[in-house]
Amino acid sequence: MNLFQIQGGFGIDHLKQTQRPTPSPGPGQVLVQVAAASLNYRDVMTVKGQYNPKQPLPLVPLSDGAGTVRAVGPGVTRVKEGDRVMSLFSQRWLSGEPSAEARSSTLGGPLDGMLSEWICLDQEGVVMTPSHLSDEEAATLPCAAVTAWNALIAKGHLKTGDTVLLEGTGGVSIFALQFAKLSGAKTIITSSSDEKLERARSLGADMTVNYKAEPDWSKRVKEMTGGEGADHIMEVGGAGTLAASLGCVALGGTISVIGVLSGTAAQVDIRSILMKGVRVQGIFVGPRDIFEAMNRAVTLHQLRPVVGRVFPFAEAPEALRYLESGAHFGKVVIRM
């Protein structure tokens, strides 16, 4: 079977296509023929050695994928041959809060991931694909969608009429836009591209801010909300945008810290957190039961993920470079 591995050192140039024998499922395992995989910024960081510089190599990257069960090992009862499934980001995180075991069982580092034509996964580490989704669409759900759902719905308790601020137009933010609209919330989304903001409005965004044209976007968000601020903020920027988020969060609001696109360390004035009663929560994707709950909503509303661009398998390094460039809108997918 064909697969990509990070070989001989970190860096996108070290992501090489290679081959190994197709595996056979052991007890409790299922053999999945992977049809599509999707990219997260975590994958770029992993390949470049920024996510875990001590990660042993070689490594098959990517945590998110979808395909079909082609064989099952002894004792498998959760799925059967022919079922369409998606990968679970953390293979042993089924419910509750993340544990050390959950963090050590994530695909695409430290475990081999989905950038492979075939993979053996534990039966507990797959989730059934909603029947109305293509494999390319389904491959986008395991991390970005679950993260957005966990932040806004499972932990954020989003209510009708709340205002949600979304930073950028990547996978997590666009899923959060879709989930917020399903919940009857108002949405504000930021980008440096007027073209992307127009696309976001076509998906239901109520208000938009071009942060390149308006560098003090936090002030603009306050103005748009009548001085109240946003009830929920999806903080994907990290250290470089956290202060601005604190400046435009509502009293008693929630900031979900998800990404580190603008850095990991910053000096923060905690008075805003104290005086506003702000809840700052870290979101590390989510367990299987949250994934499955989200899928019920996806099925009920026939929601379709926004796939911005699909690359062929042989162009996996180019797909990573494209994601790294920030040119994408929604999710970037690799078709096997």
C-alpha atoms as a PDB file:
ATOM      1  CA  MET A   1       0.000   0.000   0.000  1.00  0.00           C
ATOM      2  CA  ASN A   2       1.053   3.615  -0.545  1.00  0.00           C
ATOM      3  CA  LEU A   3       1.556   6.065   2.292  1.00  0.00           C
ATOM      4  CA  PHE A   4       3.443   9.208   3.227  1.00  0.00           C
ATOM      5  CA  GLN A   5       5.976   9.336   6.060  1.00  0.00           C
ATOM      6  CA  ILE A   6       8.099  12.038   7.638  1.00  0.00           C
ATOM      7  CA  GLN A   7      11.531  10.533   7.067  1.00  0.00           C
ATOM      8  CA  GLY A   8      15.058  11.505   8.118  1.00  0.00           C
ATOM      9  CA  GLY A   9      14.105  14.751   9.831  1.00  0.00           C
ATOM     10  CA  PHE A  10      11.339  17.281  10.110  1.00  0.00           C
ATOM     11  CA  GLY A  11      10.102  19.551   7.350  1.00  0.00           C
ATOM     12  CA  ILE A  12       7.633  19.330   4.479  1.00  0.00           C
ATOM     13  CA  ASP A  13      10.524  18.391   2.185  1.00  0.00           C
ATOM     14  CA  HIS A  14      10.984  15.281   4.356  1.00  0.00           C
ATOM     15  CA  LEU A  15       7.430  14.086   3.748  1.00  0.00           C
ATOM     16  CA  LYS A  16       8.021  11.209   1.346  1.00  0.00           C
ATOM     17  CA  GLN A  17       5.739   8.749  -0.399  1.00  0.00           C
ATOM     18  CA  THR A  18       6.647   5.148   0.297  1.00  0.00           C
ATOM     19  CA  GLN A  19       5.125   1.685   0.529  1.00  0.00           C
ATOM     20  CA  ARG A  20       4.595  -1.027   3.107  1.00  0.00           C
ATOM     21  CA  PRO A  21       2.514  -4.218   3.187  1.00  0.00           C
ATOM     22  CA  THR A  22      -1.216  -3.796   3.748  1.00  0.00           C
ATOM     23  CA  PRO A  23      -1.877  -4.688   7.415  1.00  0.00           C
ATOM     24  CA  SER A  24      -4.298  -7.297   8.709  1.00  0.00           C
ATOM     25  CA  PRO A  25      -6.618  -6.474  11.623  1.00  0.00           C
ATOM     26  CA  GLY A  26      -5.851  -8.082  14.954  1.00  0.00           C
ATOM     27  CA  PRO A  27      -8.260  -8.750  17.835  1.00  0.00           C
ATOM     28  CA  GLY A  28     -10.622  -5.818  18.265  1.00  0.00           C
ATOM     29  CA  GLN A  29      -9.278  -4.033  15.173  1.00  0.00           C
ATOM     30  CA  VAL A  30     -10.782  -2.998  11.850  1.00  0.00           C
ATOM     31  CA  LEU A  31      -9.024  -2.549   8.516  1.00  0.00           C
ATOM     32  CA  VAL A  32     -10.108   0.706   6.864  1.00  0.00           C
ATOM     33  CA  GLN A  33      -9.556   1.549   3.218  1.00  0.00           C
ATOM     34  CA  VAL A  34      -8.969   5.283   3.484  1.00  0.00           C
ATOM     35  CA  ALA A  35     -10.785   7.322   0.832  1.00  0.00           C
ATOM     36  CA  ALA A  36      -9.900  10.836   1.997  1.00  0.00           C
ATOM     37  CA  ALA A  37      -7.980  12.666   4.699  1.00  0.00           C
ATOM     38  CA  SER A  38      -8.158  16.287   5.779  1.00  0.00           C
ATOM     39  CA  LEU A  39      -5.553  18.698   7.078  1.00  0.00           C
ATOM     40  CA  ASN A  40      -5.378  20.667  10.311  1.00  0.00           C
ATOM     41  CA  TYR A  41      -2.750  23.229  11.232  1.00  0.00           C
ATOM     42  CA  ARG A  42      -1.547  20.697  13.800  1.00  0.00           C
ATOM     43  CA  ASP A  43      -0.417  18.564  10.855  1.00  0.00           C
ATOM     44  CA  VAL A  44       1.735  21.370   9.466  1.00  0.00           C
ATOM     45  CA  MET A  45       3.306  21.864  12.894  1.00  0.00           C
ATOM     46  CA  THR A  46       3.864  18.107  13.288  1.00  0.00           C
ATOM     47  CA  VAL A  47       5.570  17.715   9.916  1.00  0.00           C
ATOM     48  CA  LYS A  48       7.795  20.729  10.636  1.00  0.00           C
ATOM     49  CA  GLY A  49       8.711  19.476  14.125  1.00  0.00           C
ATOM     50  CA  GLN A  50       6.988  22.359  15.908  1.00  0.00           C
ATOM     51  CA  TYR A  51       4.217  20.365  17.575  1.00  0.00           C
ATOM     52  CA  ASN A  52       6.445  17.793  19.260  1.00  0.00           C
ATOM     53  CA  PRO A  53      10.149  18.162  18.458  1.00  0.00           C
ATOM     54  CA  LYS A  54      10.772  14.840  20.247  1.00  0.00           C
ATOM     55  CA  GLN A  55       8.339  12.894  18.072  1.00  0.00           C
ATOM     56  CA  PRO A  56      10.036   9.671  16.915  1.00  0.00           C
ATOM     57  CA  LEU A  57      10.393   9.287  13.161  1.00  0.00           C
ATOM     58  CA  PRO A  58       9.403   7.954  10.688  1.00  0.00           C
ATOM     59  CA  LEU A  59       5.765   8.956  11.205  1.00  0.00           C
ATOM     60  CA  VAL A  60       2.662   8.778   9.023  1.00  0.00           C
ATOM     61  CA  PRO A  61       0.984  12.172   9.615  1.00  0.00           C
ATOM     62  CA  LEU A  62      -2.657  13.390   9.652  1.00  0.00           C
ATOM     63  CA  SER A  63      -5.264  12.550  12.255  1.00  0.00           C
ATOM     64  CA  ASP A  64      -8.433  13.002  10.207  1.00  0.00           C
ATOM     65  CA  GLY A  65      -9.747  10.619   7.588  1.00  0.00           C
ATOM     66  CA  ALA A  66     -12.725   8.680   6.287  1.00  0.00           C
ATOM     67  CA  GLY A  67     -13.158   5.442   4.423  1.00  0.00           C
ATOM     68  CA  THR A  68     -14.727   1.990   4.449  1.00  0.00           C
ATOM     69  CA  VAL A  69     -14.218  -1.003   6.722  1.00  0.00           C
ATOM     70  CA  ARG A  70     -12.894  -3.838   4.536  1.00  0.00           C
ATOM     71  CA  ALA A  71     -12.081  -6.454   7.206  1.00  0.00           C
ATOM     72  CA  VAL A  72     -12.584  -6.951  10.938  1.00  0.00           C
ATOM     73  CA  GLY A  73     -10.534  -8.821  13.494  1.00  0.00           C
ATOM     74  CA  PRO A  74     -11.729 -11.272  16.154  1.00  0.00           C
ATOM     75  CA  GLY A  75     -14.117  -9.802  18.720  1.00  0.00           C
ATOM     76  CA  VAL A  76     -15.221  -6.774  16.698  1.00  0.00           C
ATOM     77  CA  THR A  77     -18.869  -5.870  17.366  1.00  0.00           C
ATOM     78  CA  ARG A  78     -19.138  -2.072  16.897  1.00  0.00           C
ATOM     79  CA  VAL A  79     -18.813  -2.051  13.110  1.00  0.00           C
ATOM     80  CA  LYS A  80     -18.923  -4.524  10.246  1.00  0.00           C
ATOM     81  CA  GLU A  81     -17.335  -4.961   6.843  1.00  0.00           C
ATOM     82  CA  GLY A  82     -18.691  -2.378   4.407  1.00  0.00           C
ATOM     83  CA  ASP A  83     -19.459   0.291   7.016  1.00  0.00           C
ATOM     84  CA  ARG A  84     -18.330   3.829   6.206  1.00  0.00           C
ATOM     85  CA  VAL A  85     -16.357   5.275   9.113  1.00  0.00           C
ATOM     86  CA  MET A  86     -14.244   8.214  10.239  1.00  0.00           C
ATOM     87  CA  SER A  87     -11.180   8.199  12.435  1.00  0.00           C
ATOM     88  CA  LEU A  88     -11.331   9.288  16.078  1.00  0.00           C
ATOM     89  CA  PHE A  89      -8.587  11.836  16.771  1.00  0.00           C
ATOM     90  CA  SER A  90      -7.667  10.347  20.145  1.00  0.00           C
ATOM     91  CA  GLN A  91      -8.129   6.612  19.816  1.00  0.00           C
ATOM     92  CA  ARG A  92      -8.682   5.901  23.513  1.00  0.00           C
ATOM     93  CA  TRP A  93     -10.667   9.012  24.479  1.00  0.00           C
ATOM     94  CA  LEU A  94     -14.257   7.842  24.540  1.00  0.00           C
ATOM     95  CA  SER A  95     -15.841  10.244  27.049  1.00  0.00           C
ATOM     96  CA  GLY A  96     -15.105  12.689  29.851  1.00  0.00           C
ATOM     97  CA  GLU A  97     -12.145  15.008  30.199  1.00  0.00           C
ATOM     98  CA  PRO A  98      -8.819  14.375  28.421  1.00  0.00           C
ATOM     99  CA  SER A  99      -6.339  12.144  30.221  1.00  0.00           C
ATOM    100  CA  ALA A 100      -2.693  11.311  29.748  1.00  0.00           C
ATOM    101  CA  GLU A 101      -3.828   8.132  27.985  1.00  0.00           C
ATOM    102  CA  ALA A 102      -6.035  10.154  25.654  1.00  0.00           C
ATOM    103  CA  ARG A 103      -3.189  12.497  24.763  1.00  0.00           C
ATOM    104  CA  SER A 104      -0.873   9.567  24.048  1.00  0.00           C
ATOM    105  CA  SER A 105      -3.299   7.899  21.626  1.00  0.00           C
ATOM    106  CA  THR A 106      -3.706  10.636  19.016  1.00  0.00           C
ATOM    107  CA  LEU A 107      -3.361   9.816  15.331  1.00  0.00           C
ATOM    108  CA  GLY A 108      -0.740  11.587  13.255  1.00  0.00           C
ATOM    109  CA  GLY A 109       1.574  11.778  16.261  1.00  0.00           C
ATOM    110  CA  PRO A 110       2.482   9.926  18.357  1.00  0.00           C
ATOM    111  CA  LEU A 111       0.534   7.187  16.526  1.00  0.00           C
ATOM    112  CA  ASP A 112       0.769   6.731  12.757  1.00  0.00           C
ATOM    113  CA  GLY A 113      -2.003   8.628  11.052  1.00  0.00           C
ATOM    114  CA  MET A 114      -4.338   8.678   8.082  1.00  0.00           C
ATOM    115  CA  LEU A 115      -2.093   9.676   5.170  1.00  0.00           C
ATOM    116  CA  SER A 116      -2.143   6.081   3.991  1.00  0.00           C
ATOM    117  CA  GLU A 117      -4.294   4.016   1.651  1.00  0.00           C
ATOM    118  CA  TRP A 118      -5.057   1.489   4.406  1.00  0.00           C
ATOM    119  CA  ILE A 119      -4.948   1.615   8.206  1.00  0.00           C
ATOM    120  CA  CYS A 120      -5.807  -0.701  11.081  1.00  0.00           C
ATOM    121  CA  LEU A 121      -7.669   1.055  13.905  1.00  0.00           C
ATOM    122  CA  ASP A 122      -9.203  -0.185  17.120  1.00  0.00           C
ATOM    123  CA  GLN A 123     -12.943  -0.674  16.800  1.00  0.00           C
ATOM    124  CA  GLU A 124     -13.352   1.895  19.580  1.00  0.00           C
ATOM    125  CA  GLY A 125     -11.422   4.433  17.505  1.00  0.00           C
ATOM    126  CA  VAL A 126     -13.826   4.768  14.578  1.00  0.00           C
ATOM    127  CA  VAL A 127     -17.120   6.639  14.253  1.00  0.00           C
ATOM    128  CA  MET A 128     -19.882   5.950  11.734  1.00  0.00           C
ATOM    129  CA  THR A 129     -20.064   8.410   8.819  1.00  0.00           C
ATOM    130  CA  PRO A 130     -23.354  10.317   8.334  1.00  0.00           C
ATOM    131  CA  SER A 131     -24.919   8.780   5.239  1.00  0.00           C
ATOM    132  CA  HIS A 132     -25.496  12.074   3.409  1.00  0.00           C
ATOM    133  CA  LEU A 133     -21.796  13.023   3.429  1.00  0.00           C
ATOM    134  CA  SER A 134     -19.177  12.133   0.846  1.00  0.00           C
ATOM    135  CA  ASP A 135     -15.904  10.686   2.118  1.00  0.00           C
ATOM    136  CA  GLU A 136     -14.172  13.999   1.362  1.00  0.00           C
ATOM    137  CA  GLU A 137     -16.735  15.841   3.492  1.00  0.00           C
ATOM    138  CA  ALA A 138     -16.650  13.253   6.281  1.00  0.00           C
ATOM    139  CA  ALA A 139     -12.855  13.418   6.480  1.00  0.00           C
ATOM    140  CA  THR A 140     -13.122  17.023   7.697  1.00  0.00           C
ATOM    141  CA  LEU A 141     -15.098  16.227  10.855  1.00  0.00           C
ATOM    142  CA  PRO A 142     -12.806  14.465  13.386  1.00  0.00           C
ATOM    143  CA  CYS A 143     -10.833  17.498  14.618  1.00  0.00           C
ATOM    144  CA  ALA A 144     -12.130  20.822  13.291  1.00  0.00           C
ATOM    145  CA  ALA A 145     -15.841  20.072  13.594  1.00  0.00           C
ATOM    146  CA  VAL A 146     -15.568  18.319  16.961  1.00  0.00           C
ATOM    147  CA  THR A 147     -13.444  21.184  18.310  1.00  0.00           C
ATOM    148  CA  ALA A 148     -16.032  23.760  17.227  1.00  0.00           C
ATOM    149  CA  TRP A 149     -18.925  21.705  18.606  1.00  0.00           C
ATOM    150  CA  ASN A 150     -17.150  21.074  21.908  1.00  0.00           C
ATOM    151  CA  ALA A 151     -16.295  24.757  22.356  1.00  0.00           C
ATOM    152  CA  LEU A 152     -19.706  26.181  21.495  1.00  0.00           C
ATOM    153  CA  ILE A 153     -22.217  23.465  22.351  1.00  0.00           C
ATOM    154  CA  ALA A 154     -20.809  20.820  24.716  1.00  0.00           C
ATOM    155  CA  LYS A 155     -18.769  23.179  26.916  1.00  0.00           C
ATOM    156  CA  GLY A 156     -19.957  26.598  25.727  1.00  0.00           C
ATOM    157  CA  HIS A 157     -23.708  26.013  26.204  1.00  0.00           C
ATOM    158  CA  LEU A 158     -24.459  28.355  23.308  1.00  0.00           C
ATOM    159  CA  LYS A 159     -27.930  29.920  23.453  1.00  0.00           C
ATOM    160  CA  THR A 160     -30.214  31.389  20.811  1.00  0.00           C
ATOM    161  CA  GLY A 161     -29.443  35.085  20.492  1.00  0.00           C
ATOM    162  CA  ASP A 162     -25.850  34.835  21.747  1.00  0.00           C
ATOM    163  CA  THR A 163     -23.149  36.557  19.702  1.00  0.00           C
ATOM    164  CA  VAL A 164     -20.200  34.462  18.523  1.00  0.00           C
ATOM    165  CA  LEU A 165     -16.925  35.962  17.281  1.00  0.00           C
ATOM    166  CA  LEU A 166     -14.984  33.801  14.839  1.00  0.00           C
ATOM    167  CA  GLU A 167     -11.366  34.514  13.992  1.00  0.00           C
ATOM    168  CA  GLY A 168     -10.454  33.767  10.387  1.00  0.00           C
ATOM    169  CA  THR A 169     -12.072  31.462   7.864  1.00  0.00           C
ATOM    170  CA  GLY A 170     -10.250  28.172   8.443  1.00  0.00           C
ATOM    171  CA  GLY A 171     -11.855  24.855   9.275  1.00  0.00           C
ATOM    172  CA  VAL A 172     -12.688  25.391  12.964  1.00  0.00           C
ATOM    173  CA  SER A 173     -14.081  28.888  12.391  1.00  0.00           C
ATOM    174  CA  ILE A 174     -16.276  27.852   9.459  1.00  0.00           C
ATOM    175  CA  PHE A 175     -17.658  24.855  11.350  1.00  0.00           C
ATOM    176  CA  ALA A 176     -18.318  27.156  14.315  1.00  0.00           C
ATOM    177  CA  LEU A 177     -20.170  29.521  11.967  1.00  0.00           C
ATOM    178  CA  GLN A 178     -22.370  26.670  10.764  1.00  0.00           C
ATOM    179  CA  PHE A 179     -23.074  25.382  14.288  1.00  0.00           C
ATOM    180  CA  ALA A 180     -23.782  28.889  15.590  1.00  0.00           C
ATOM    181  CA  LYS A 181     -26.338  29.466  12.838  1.00  0.00           C
ATOM    182  CA  LEU A 182     -28.023  26.126  13.621  1.00  0.00           C
ATOM    183  CA  SER A 183     -28.336  27.352  17.219  1.00  0.00           C
ATOM    184  CA  GLY A 184     -29.871  30.714  16.318  1.00  0.00           C
ATOM    185  CA  ALA A 185     -26.827  32.724  17.383  1.00  0.00           C
ATOM    186  CA  LYS A 186     -25.510  35.911  15.798  1.00  0.00           C
ATOM    187  CA  THR A 187     -22.079  35.680  14.218  1.00  0.00           C
ATOM    188  CA  ILE A 188     -19.172  38.015  13.537  1.00  0.00           C
ATOM    189  CA  ILE A 189     -16.235  36.740  11.504  1.00  0.00           C
ATOM    190  CA  THR A 190     -12.840  38.286  10.804  1.00  0.00           C
ATOM    191  CA  SER A 191     -10.459  37.917   7.863  1.00  0.00           C
ATOM    192  CA  SER A 192      -7.869  39.924   5.941  1.00  0.00           C
ATOM    193  CA  SER A 193      -9.645  39.040   2.681  1.00  0.00           C
ATOM    194  CA  ASP A 194     -12.842  40.746   1.507  1.00  0.00           C
ATOM    195  CA  GLU A 195     -13.414  37.805  -0.851  1.00  0.00           C
ATOM    196  CA  LYS A 196     -13.360  35.346   2.071  1.00  0.00           C
ATOM    197  CA  LEU A 197     -15.650  37.603   4.094  1.00  0.00           C
ATOM    198  CA  GLU A 198     -18.128  37.620   1.227  1.00  0.00           C
ATOM    199  CA  ARG A 199     -18.065  33.825   1.177  1.00  0.00           C
ATOM    200  CA  ALA A 200     -18.632  33.799   4.941  1.00  0.00           C
ATOM    201  CA  ARG A 201     -21.673  36.055   4.513  1.00  0.00           C
ATOM    202  CA  SER A 202     -23.045  33.616   1.939  1.00  0.00           C
ATOM    203  CA  LEU A 203     -22.863  30.950   4.675  1.00  0.00           C
ATOM    204  CA  GLY A 204     -24.856  33.116   7.066  1.00  0.00           C
ATOM    205  CA  ALA A 205     -22.314  35.340   8.821  1.00  0.00           C
ATOM    206  CA  ASP A 206     -24.234  38.340  10.179  1.00  0.00           C
ATOM    207  CA  MET A 207     -21.299  40.751  10.479  1.00  0.00           C
ATOM    208  CA  THR A 208     -17.745  40.799   9.131  1.00  0.00           C
ATOM    209  CA  VAL A 209     -14.521  42.643   9.919  1.00  0.00           C
ATOM    210  CA  ASN A 210     -11.471  42.951   7.676  1.00  0.00           C
ATOM    211  CA  TYR A 211      -8.726  43.107  10.289  1.00  0.00           C
ATOM    212  CA  LYS A 212      -6.217  44.311   7.718  1.00  0.00           C
ATOM    213  CA  ALA A 213      -8.363  47.334   6.905  1.00  0.00           C
ATOM    214  CA  GLU A 214      -9.349  47.749  10.572  1.00  0.00           C
ATOM    215  CA  PRO A 215      -6.360  46.723  12.718  1.00  0.00           C
ATOM    216  CA  ASP A 216      -8.261  47.646  15.893  1.00  0.00           C
ATOM    217  CA  TRP A 217     -10.827  44.966  15.168  1.00  0.00           C
ATOM    218  CA  SER A 218     -11.597  44.467  18.842  1.00  0.00           C
ATOM    219  CA  LYS A 219     -12.998  48.002  19.009  1.00  0.00           C
ATOM    220  CA  ARG A 220     -15.027  47.369  15.860  1.00  0.00           C
ATOM    221  CA  VAL A 221     -16.540  44.225  17.391  1.00  0.00           C
ATOM    222  CA  LYS A 222     -17.598  46.232  20.446  1.00  0.00           C
ATOM    223  CA  GLU A 223     -19.252  48.781  18.163  1.00  0.00           C
ATOM    224  CA  MET A 224     -21.073  46.064  16.216  1.00  0.00           C
ATOM    225  CA  THR A 225     -22.490  44.642  19.455  1.00  0.00           C
ATOM    226  CA  GLY A 226     -23.667  47.968  20.847  1.00  0.00           C
ATOM    227  CA  GLY A 227     -20.803  48.067  23.319  1.00  0.00           C
ATOM    228  CA  GLU A 228     -21.691  44.696  24.841  1.00  0.00           C
ATOM    229  CA  GLY A 229     -19.041  42.511  23.178  1.00  0.00           C
ATOM    230  CA  ALA A 230     -19.226  38.889  22.022  1.00  0.00           C
ATOM    231  CA  ASP A 231     -20.629  36.179  24.279  1.00  0.00           C
ATOM    232  CA  HIS A 232     -18.391  33.506  22.758  1.00  0.00           C
ATOM    233  CA  ILE A 233     -15.023  33.936  21.072  1.00  0.00           C
ATOM    234  CA  MET A 234     -13.299  31.174  19.125  1.00  0.00           C
ATOM    235  CA  GLU A 235      -9.680  32.073  19.824  1.00  0.00           C
ATOM    236  CA  VAL A 236      -7.717  30.370  17.057  1.00  0.00           C
ATOM    237  CA  GLY A 237      -5.013  33.026  16.822  1.00  0.00           C
ATOM    238  CA  GLY A 238      -3.355  32.323  20.145  1.00  0.00           C
ATOM    239  CA  ALA A 239      -1.016  34.667  21.952  1.00  0.00           C
ATOM    240  CA  GLY A 240      -1.081  37.371  19.312  1.00  0.00           C
ATOM    241  CA  THR A 241      -4.855  37.849  19.407  1.00  0.00           C
ATOM    242  CA  LEU A 242      -5.806  36.916  22.976  1.00  0.00           C
ATOM    243  CA  ALA A 243      -5.493  40.489  24.280  1.00  0.00           C
ATOM    244  CA  ALA A 244      -7.809  41.749  21.538  1.00  0.00           C
ATOM    245  CA  SER A 245     -10.288  38.980  22.348  1.00  0.00           C
ATOM    246  CA  LEU A 246     -10.264  39.989  26.004  1.00  0.00           C
ATOM    247  CA  GLY A 247     -10.973  43.534  24.872  1.00  0.00           C
ATOM    248  CA  CYS A 248     -14.196  42.606  23.061  1.00  0.00           C
ATOM    249  CA  VAL A 249     -15.608  39.730  25.099  1.00  0.00           C
ATOM    250  CA  ALA A 250     -18.913  40.369  26.849  1.00  0.00           C
ATOM    251  CA  LEU A 251     -19.431  40.365  30.608  1.00  0.00           C
ATOM    252  CA  GLY A 252     -19.558  36.742  31.677  1.00  0.00           C
ATOM    253  CA  GLY A 253     -18.489  35.669  28.197  1.00  0.00           C
ATOM    254  CA  THR A 254     -16.398  32.686  27.132  1.00  0.00           C
ATOM    255  CA  ILE A 255     -13.133  32.604  25.205  1.00  0.00           C
ATOM    256  CA  SER A 256     -12.318  29.164  23.809  1.00  0.00           C
ATOM    257  CA  VAL A 257      -8.566  28.896  23.235  1.00  0.00           C
ATOM    258  CA  ILE A 258      -8.093  26.567  20.280  1.00  0.00           C
ATOM    259  CA  GLY A 259      -5.155  27.566  18.091  1.00  0.00           C
ATOM    260  CA  VAL A 260      -1.696  29.102  18.189  1.00  0.00           C
ATOM    261  CA  LEU A 261      -1.480  30.641  14.723  1.00  0.00           C
ATOM    262  CA  SER A 262      -0.013  33.871  16.084  1.00  0.00           C
ATOM    263  CA  GLY A 263       2.191  32.396  18.791  1.00  0.00           C
ATOM    264  CA  THR A 264       2.097  30.641  22.143  1.00  0.00           C
ATOM    265  CA  ALA A 265       3.414  33.175  24.646  1.00  0.00           C
ATOM    266  CA  ALA A 266       2.122  36.648  25.498  1.00  0.00           C
ATOM    267  CA  GLN A 267       1.782  39.063  28.372  1.00  0.00           C
ATOM    268  CA  VAL A 268      -1.898  39.310  29.278  1.00  0.00           C
ATOM    269  CA  ASP A 269      -3.617  41.803  31.573  1.00  0.00           C
ATOM    270  CA  ILE A 270      -5.785  39.507  33.693  1.00  0.00           C
ATOM    271  CA  ARG A 271      -7.933  42.390  34.962  1.00  0.00           C
ATOM    272  CA  SER A 272     -10.266  41.906  31.999  1.00  0.00           C
ATOM    273  CA  ILE A 273     -10.780  38.283  33.010  1.00  0.00           C
ATOM    274  CA  LEU A 274     -11.424  39.191  36.643  1.00  0.00           C
ATOM    275  CA  MET A 275     -13.588  42.281  36.191  1.00  0.00           C
ATOM    276  CA  LYS A 276     -15.707  40.845  33.378  1.00  0.00           C
ATOM    277  CA  GLY A 277     -16.073  37.385  34.902  1.00  0.00           C
ATOM    278  CA  VAL A 278     -14.703  35.860  31.712  1.00  0.00           C
ATOM    279  CA  ARG A 279     -14.271  32.119  31.324  1.00  0.00           C
ATOM    280  CA  VAL A 280     -11.158  31.178  29.337  1.00  0.00           C
ATOM    281  CA  GLN A 281     -11.280  27.506  28.359  1.00  0.00           C
ATOM    282  CA  GLY A 282      -8.804  25.394  26.473  1.00  0.00           C
ATOM    283  CA  ILE A 283     -10.351  23.058  23.900  1.00  0.00           C
ATOM    284  CA  PHE A 284      -8.433  19.892  22.955  1.00  0.00           C
ATOM    285  CA  VAL A 285     -10.754  18.524  20.240  1.00  0.00           C
ATOM    286  CA  GLY A 286     -13.131  16.181  22.098  1.00  0.00           C
ATOM    287  CA  PRO A 287     -14.016  12.559  22.980  1.00  0.00           C
ATOM    288  CA  ARG A 288     -16.010  10.062  20.954  1.00  0.00           C
ATOM    289  CA  ASP A 289     -19.350  10.680  22.666  1.00  0.00           C
ATOM    290  CA  ILE A 290     -19.194  14.378  21.726  1.00  0.00           C
ATOM    291  CA  PHE A 291     -18.259  13.416  18.148  1.00  0.00           C
ATOM    292  CA  GLU A 292     -21.286  11.134  17.959  1.00  0.00           C
ATOM    293  CA  ALA A 293     -23.607  13.740  19.477  1.00  0.00           C
ATOM    294  CA  MET A 294     -22.397  16.250  16.900  1.00  0.00           C
ATOM    295  CA  ASN A 295     -23.008  13.736  14.118  1.00  0.00           C
ATOM    296  CA  ARG A 296     -26.644  13.427  15.175  1.00  0.00           C
ATOM    297  CA  ALA A 297     -27.050  17.175  14.671  1.00  0.00           C
ATOM    298  CA  VAL A 298     -25.128  17.061  11.383  1.00  0.00           C
ATOM    299  CA  THR A 299     -27.501  14.339  10.168  1.00  0.00           C
ATOM    300  CA  LEU A 300     -30.672  16.015  11.459  1.00  0.00           C
ATOM    301  CA  HIS A 301     -29.864  19.303   9.726  1.00  0.00           C
ATOM    302  CA  GLN A 302     -28.197  17.651   6.712  1.00  0.00           C
ATOM    303  CA  LEU A 303     -25.237  19.959   7.318  1.00  0.00           C
ATOM    304  CA  ARG A 304     -22.472  19.794   4.715  1.00  0.00           C
ATOM    305  CA  PRO A 305     -18.887  20.730   5.597  1.00  0.00           C
ATOM    306  CA  VAL A 306     -17.187  23.433   3.545  1.00  0.00           C
ATOM    307  CA  VAL A 307     -14.388  21.779   1.556  1.00  0.00           C
ATOM    308  CA  GLY A 308     -12.263  24.561   0.122  1.00  0.00           C
ATOM    309  CA  ARG A 309      -9.865  22.498  -1.980  1.00  0.00           C
ATOM    310  CA  VAL A 310      -9.123  18.848  -2.711  1.00  0.00           C
ATOM    311  CA  PHE A 311      -5.607  17.612  -3.578  1.00  0.00           C
ATOM    312  CA  PRO A 312      -4.721  14.208  -5.047  1.00  0.00           C
ATOM    313  CA  PHE A 313      -2.785  11.840  -2.799  1.00  0.00           C
ATOM    314  CA  ALA A 314       0.503  12.325  -4.662  1.00  0.00           C
ATOM    315  CA  GLU A 315       0.370  16.071  -3.921  1.00  0.00           C
ATOM    316  CA  ALA A 316       0.161  15.763  -0.126  1.00  0.00           C
ATOM    317  CA  PRO A 317       3.237  18.004   0.455  1.00  0.00           C
ATOM    318  CA  GLU A 318       1.680  20.699  -1.757  1.00  0.00           C
ATOM    319  CA  ALA A 319      -1.539  20.429   0.262  1.00  0.00           C
ATOM    320  CA  LEU A 320       0.383  21.118   3.470  1.00  0.00           C
ATOM    321  CA  ARG A 321       2.122  24.110   1.911  1.00  0.00           C
ATOM    322  CA  TYR A 322      -1.237  25.430   0.731  1.00  0.00           C
ATOM    323  CA  LEU A 323      -2.704  25.168   4.230  1.00  0.00           C
ATOM    324  CA  GLU A 324       0.388  26.804   5.708  1.00  0.00           C
ATOM    325  CA  SER A 325       0.009  29.742   3.293  1.00  0.00           C
ATOM    326  CA  GLY A 326      -3.385  30.647   4.737  1.00  0.00           C
ATOM    327  CA  ALA A 327      -4.973  30.834   1.288  1.00  0.00           C
ATOM    328  CA  HIS A 328      -7.619  28.249   2.175  1.00  0.00           C
ATOM    329  CA  PHE A 329     -11.280  28.769   3.088  1.00  0.00           C
ATOM    330  CA  GLY A 330     -12.820  25.966   5.114  1.00  0.00           C
ATOM    331  CA  LYS A 331     -11.086  22.611   4.928  1.00  0.00           C
ATOM    332  CA  VAL A 332      -8.280  21.238   2.773  1.00  0.00           C
ATOM    333  CA  VAL A 333      -8.727  17.581   1.803  1.00  0.00           C
ATOM    334  CA  ILE A 334      -6.502  14.914   0.243  1.00  0.00           C
ATOM    335  CA  ARG A 335      -8.270  12.294  -1.891  1.00  0.00           C
ATOM    336  CA  MET A 336      -6.601   8.884  -1.861  1.00  0.00           C
END
